[in-house]
Protein backbone atom coordinates (compact mmCIF):
# COMPACT_ATOMS: atom_id res chain seq x y z
CA MET A 1 -7.85 22.05 7.95
CA TRP A 2 -9.71 20.43 5.26
CA ALA A 3 -12.80 18.74 5.63
CA GLN A 4 -15.17 16.98 2.71
CA GLN A 5 -18.96 15.96 2.94
CA GLN A 6 -20.86 13.64 0.04
CA LEU A 7 -23.72 12.22 -0.08
CA SER A 8 -24.86 11.18 -3.94
CA THR A 9 -23.14 7.49 -3.95
CA GLY A 10 -22.85 7.06 -0.37
CA ASP A 11 -22.52 8.97 2.63
CA LEU A 12 -18.73 9.83 3.27
CA LEU A 13 -17.20 12.43 5.91
CA SER A 14 -13.69 13.07 5.60
CA ALA A 15 -11.29 15.23 7.61
CA ASP A 16 -7.32 16.40 7.10
CA LEU A 17 -5.76 17.96 10.08
CA GLN A 18 -2.57 19.24 10.06
CA VAL A 19 -1.50 19.63 14.08
CA SER A 20 1.88 21.04 13.62
CA ASP A 21 4.76 21.38 11.41
CA LYS A 22 5.53 18.20 12.04
CA THR A 23 2.39 15.79 12.68
CA ARG A 24 -1.23 15.22 10.59
CA PHE A 25 -4.10 13.31 11.21
CA PHE A 26 -6.53 12.18 8.64
CA CYS A 27 -9.84 10.20 8.95
CA SER A 28 -12.87 9.49 7.08
CA LEU A 29 -15.90 8.15 7.20
CA GLY A 30 -18.11 6.10 4.41
CA VAL A 31 -21.30 4.19 4.60
CA SER A 32 -22.60 2.48 1.24
CA ASP A 33 -25.79 -0.13 0.11
CA ARG A 34 -23.14 -2.24 -2.09
CA TRP A 35 -20.01 -1.71 0.48
CA GLY A 36 -20.91 -1.82 3.90
CA SER A 37 -19.44 0.92 6.32
CA ARG A 38 -15.71 1.82 6.65
CA PHE A 39 -13.57 4.05 9.21
CA ASP A 40 -9.99 4.90 8.32
CA THR A 41 -7.37 6.94 10.33
CA GLN A 42 -4.12 7.57 9.69
CA PHE A 43 -1.58 9.74 11.76
CA ASN A 44 1.78 11.06 9.91
CA TRP A 45 4.92 12.12 12.05
CA GLN A 46 8.17 13.48 10.82
CA LEU A 47 10.45 12.67 13.17
CA LEU A 48 13.28 13.80 11.19
CA PRO A 49 14.05 15.79 8.61
CA GLN A 50 14.57 12.74 6.34
CA THR A 51 12.39 10.22 8.52
CA SER A 52 9.10 10.23 9.43
CA LEU A 53 6.43 7.25 10.74
CA MET A 54 2.57 6.51 9.78
CA LEU A 55 0.36 4.72 11.65
CA ASN A 56 -3.08 3.60 10.48
CA HIS A 57 -6.36 1.76 11.29
CA SER A 58 -9.06 0.64 8.93
CA GLN A 59 -12.08 -0.64 10.40
CA SER A 60 -14.93 -2.37 7.95
CA TRP A 61 -18.06 -3.81 8.55
CA PHE A 62 -20.41 -5.51 5.61
CA GLN A 63 -22.61 -8.19 4.69
CA ASP A 64 -20.76 -11.30 4.24
CA ASP A 65 -22.50 -13.16 0.87
CA TYR A 66 -20.64 -16.64 1.44
CA ALA A 67 -21.99 -16.88 5.23
CA TYR A 68 -25.02 -14.53 4.96
CA THR A 69 -24.32 -12.60 8.16
CA ALA A 70 -22.60 -9.34 8.58
CA SER A 71 -18.86 -9.44 9.04
CA ARG A 72 -16.16 -6.96 10.59
CA GLN A 73 -12.44 -6.64 9.44
CA HIS A 74 -9.79 -4.13 10.41
CA THR A 75 -6.15 -3.48 9.36
CA SER A 76 -3.44 -2.16 11.65
CA GLY A 77 -0.46 -0.61 10.26
CA LEU A 78 3.39 1.27 11.08
CA THR A 79 5.36 2.47 8.16
CA VAL A 80 8.54 3.95 8.62
CA ASN A 81 10.13 5.75 5.23
CA HIS A 82 13.32 7.25 4.95
CA ARG A 83 15.28 9.16 2.67
CA LEU A 84 19.00 8.55 2.39
CA ASP A 85 21.57 11.51 1.60
CA ASN A 86 21.74 10.07 -2.23
CA GLY A 87 18.32 10.59 -2.78
CA ASP A 88 17.12 6.87 -1.97
CA SER A 89 14.63 6.12 -0.34
CA LEU A 90 13.59 3.27 2.09
CA SER A 91 10.65 2.24 3.79
CA LEU A 92 9.26 -0.80 5.78
CA ARG A 93 5.64 -1.43 6.50
CA GLY A 94 3.76 -3.86 9.07
CA ASN A 95 0.32 -4.55 8.55
CA HIS A 96 -1.71 -6.89 11.23
CA TYR A 97 -5.14 -8.08 8.91
CA SER A 98 -8.02 -9.26 11.02
CA ARG A 99 -9.58 -11.00 8.12
CA GLN A 100 -6.59 -13.19 7.26
CA SER A 101 -5.52 -13.36 11.14
CA GLY A 102 -2.11 -12.48 10.56
CA THR A 103 0.46 -9.87 10.06
CA GLY A 104 2.37 -9.05 6.78
CA LEU A 105 5.51 -7.02 6.02
CA ASP A 106 6.62 -4.84 3.20
CA ALA A 107 10.17 -3.50 2.34
CA ASN A 108 10.62 -1.09 -0.16
CA TRP A 109 13.56 0.83 -1.90
CA ARG A 110 13.23 3.46 -4.72
CA THR A 111 16.27 5.09 -6.38
CA ARG A 112 16.48 7.47 -10.04
CA PHE A 113 19.61 7.52 -12.42
CA LYS A 114 20.24 8.40 -15.58
CA ILE A 115 21.58 5.92 -18.05
CA GLN A 116 23.06 8.03 -21.18
CA ASP A 117 21.15 11.29 -19.86
CA THR A 118 18.34 9.18 -19.68
CA PRO A 119 16.63 9.50 -16.03
CA VAL A 120 15.59 6.06 -15.34
CA SER A 121 12.99 5.49 -11.47
CA LEU A 122 13.76 1.98 -10.32
CA SER A 123 11.87 0.36 -7.46
CA VAL A 124 12.11 -2.88 -5.68
CA ASN A 125 9.00 -4.06 -3.41
CA ALA A 126 9.13 -7.42 -1.29
CA SER A 127 6.40 -8.46 0.88
CA ASP A 128 5.57 -11.33 3.09
CA ARG A 129 1.36 -11.22 3.98
CA PRO A 130 -1.08 -13.51 4.89
CA TYR A 131 -2.24 -15.59 2.11
CA SER A 132 -6.36 -16.47 3.38
CA GLN A 133 -8.26 -16.60 6.54
CA SER A 134 -8.63 -19.83 6.33
CA SER A 135 -5.06 -22.01 5.81
CA SER A 136 -1.98 -20.79 7.10
CA GLN A 137 -0.68 -19.80 3.56
CA ARG A 138 1.78 -17.20 3.05
CA ASN A 139 1.66 -14.71 0.00
CA ARG A 140 5.32 -13.89 -0.73
CA GLY A 141 6.75 -11.91 -3.17
CA VAL A 142 9.28 -9.26 -4.76
CA ASN A 143 8.57 -6.98 -7.24
CA LEU A 144 10.58 -4.85 -9.51
CA ASN A 145 9.47 -1.76 -11.52
CA MET A 146 11.43 0.46 -13.81
CA SER A 147 10.39 3.55 -16.09
CA PHE A 148 11.90 5.84 -18.26
CA SER A 149 11.34 8.20 -21.26
CA PHE A 150 12.88 7.69 -24.63
CA GLY A 151 13.15 8.98 -28.19
CA GLU A 152 12.34 12.75 -29.33
CA ASN A 153 8.96 12.72 -28.19
CA ASN A 154 9.87 11.33 -24.27
CA ARG A 155 7.60 8.84 -24.62
CA SER A 156 7.84 6.92 -21.82
CA ILE A 157 8.00 3.02 -20.68
CA TYR A 158 6.82 1.45 -17.86
CA ILE A 159 8.14 -2.10 -16.97
CA SER A 160 7.21 -4.15 -14.19
CA GLY A 161 8.18 -7.86 -13.25
CA ALA A 162 7.02 -9.84 -9.88
CA GLU A 163 7.74 -13.02 -9.15
CA SER A 164 5.15 -14.28 -5.96
CA GLU A 165 4.30 -17.90 -4.15
CA VAL A 166 1.79 -18.75 -1.98
CA THR A 167 3.59 -21.49 0.47
CA GLU A 168 2.18 -23.77 2.77
CA LYS A 169 3.16 -26.95 3.94
CA SER A 170 2.22 -28.52 0.74
CA GLY A 171 3.90 -26.83 -1.86
CA VAL A 172 4.92 -23.50 -3.85
CA SER A 173 2.66 -22.30 -6.32
CA ALA A 174 4.13 -19.09 -8.33
CA GLU A 175 3.27 -17.06 -11.35
CA PRO A 176 5.74 -14.81 -12.55
CA PRO A 177 4.15 -11.70 -14.57
CA ILE A 178 6.10 -9.57 -16.91
CA THR A 179 4.22 -6.23 -17.71
CA VAL A 180 5.64 -3.72 -20.04
CA LEU A 181 3.40 -0.02 -20.84
CA PHE A 182 3.97 2.70 -23.56
CA ASP A 183 2.63 5.71 -23.34
């Protein structure tokens, strides 16, 4: 069991408990003059050798500068992770957001392969989440990430591309950024 207490930048208390070989529980409690208070819990359960389940809940209390009142929000989620026989991994995550009054869904696929003896990591993420608390808008998107090394010094390249949109009954707005980072 691991626990931490920090008092310098606000109060923080956390615990990480390995209940058994297949279950783990994590929780933390934080207080800050600037950001308010929060409580986070996470439960991990290894269902099968290649499949795990994660449950999480976050709760926070903060000062809402726009409404000049204390506000509370929480997020609860369920994630299923599965590693395929070929080494690829799949994950599916569902969340409920109290502030946006809705549910969101994220799906992820990760794989590794080689191109002419160069290892390449590739991931594809898709999401459908609530956009704001005051409308029926949805934030939907797909993100593609790829990284690999090249050259004599094995310099790293990370390429990320995304297509996202915010939708509602009146139309669609889209901004597709592409990022390339060199190390």
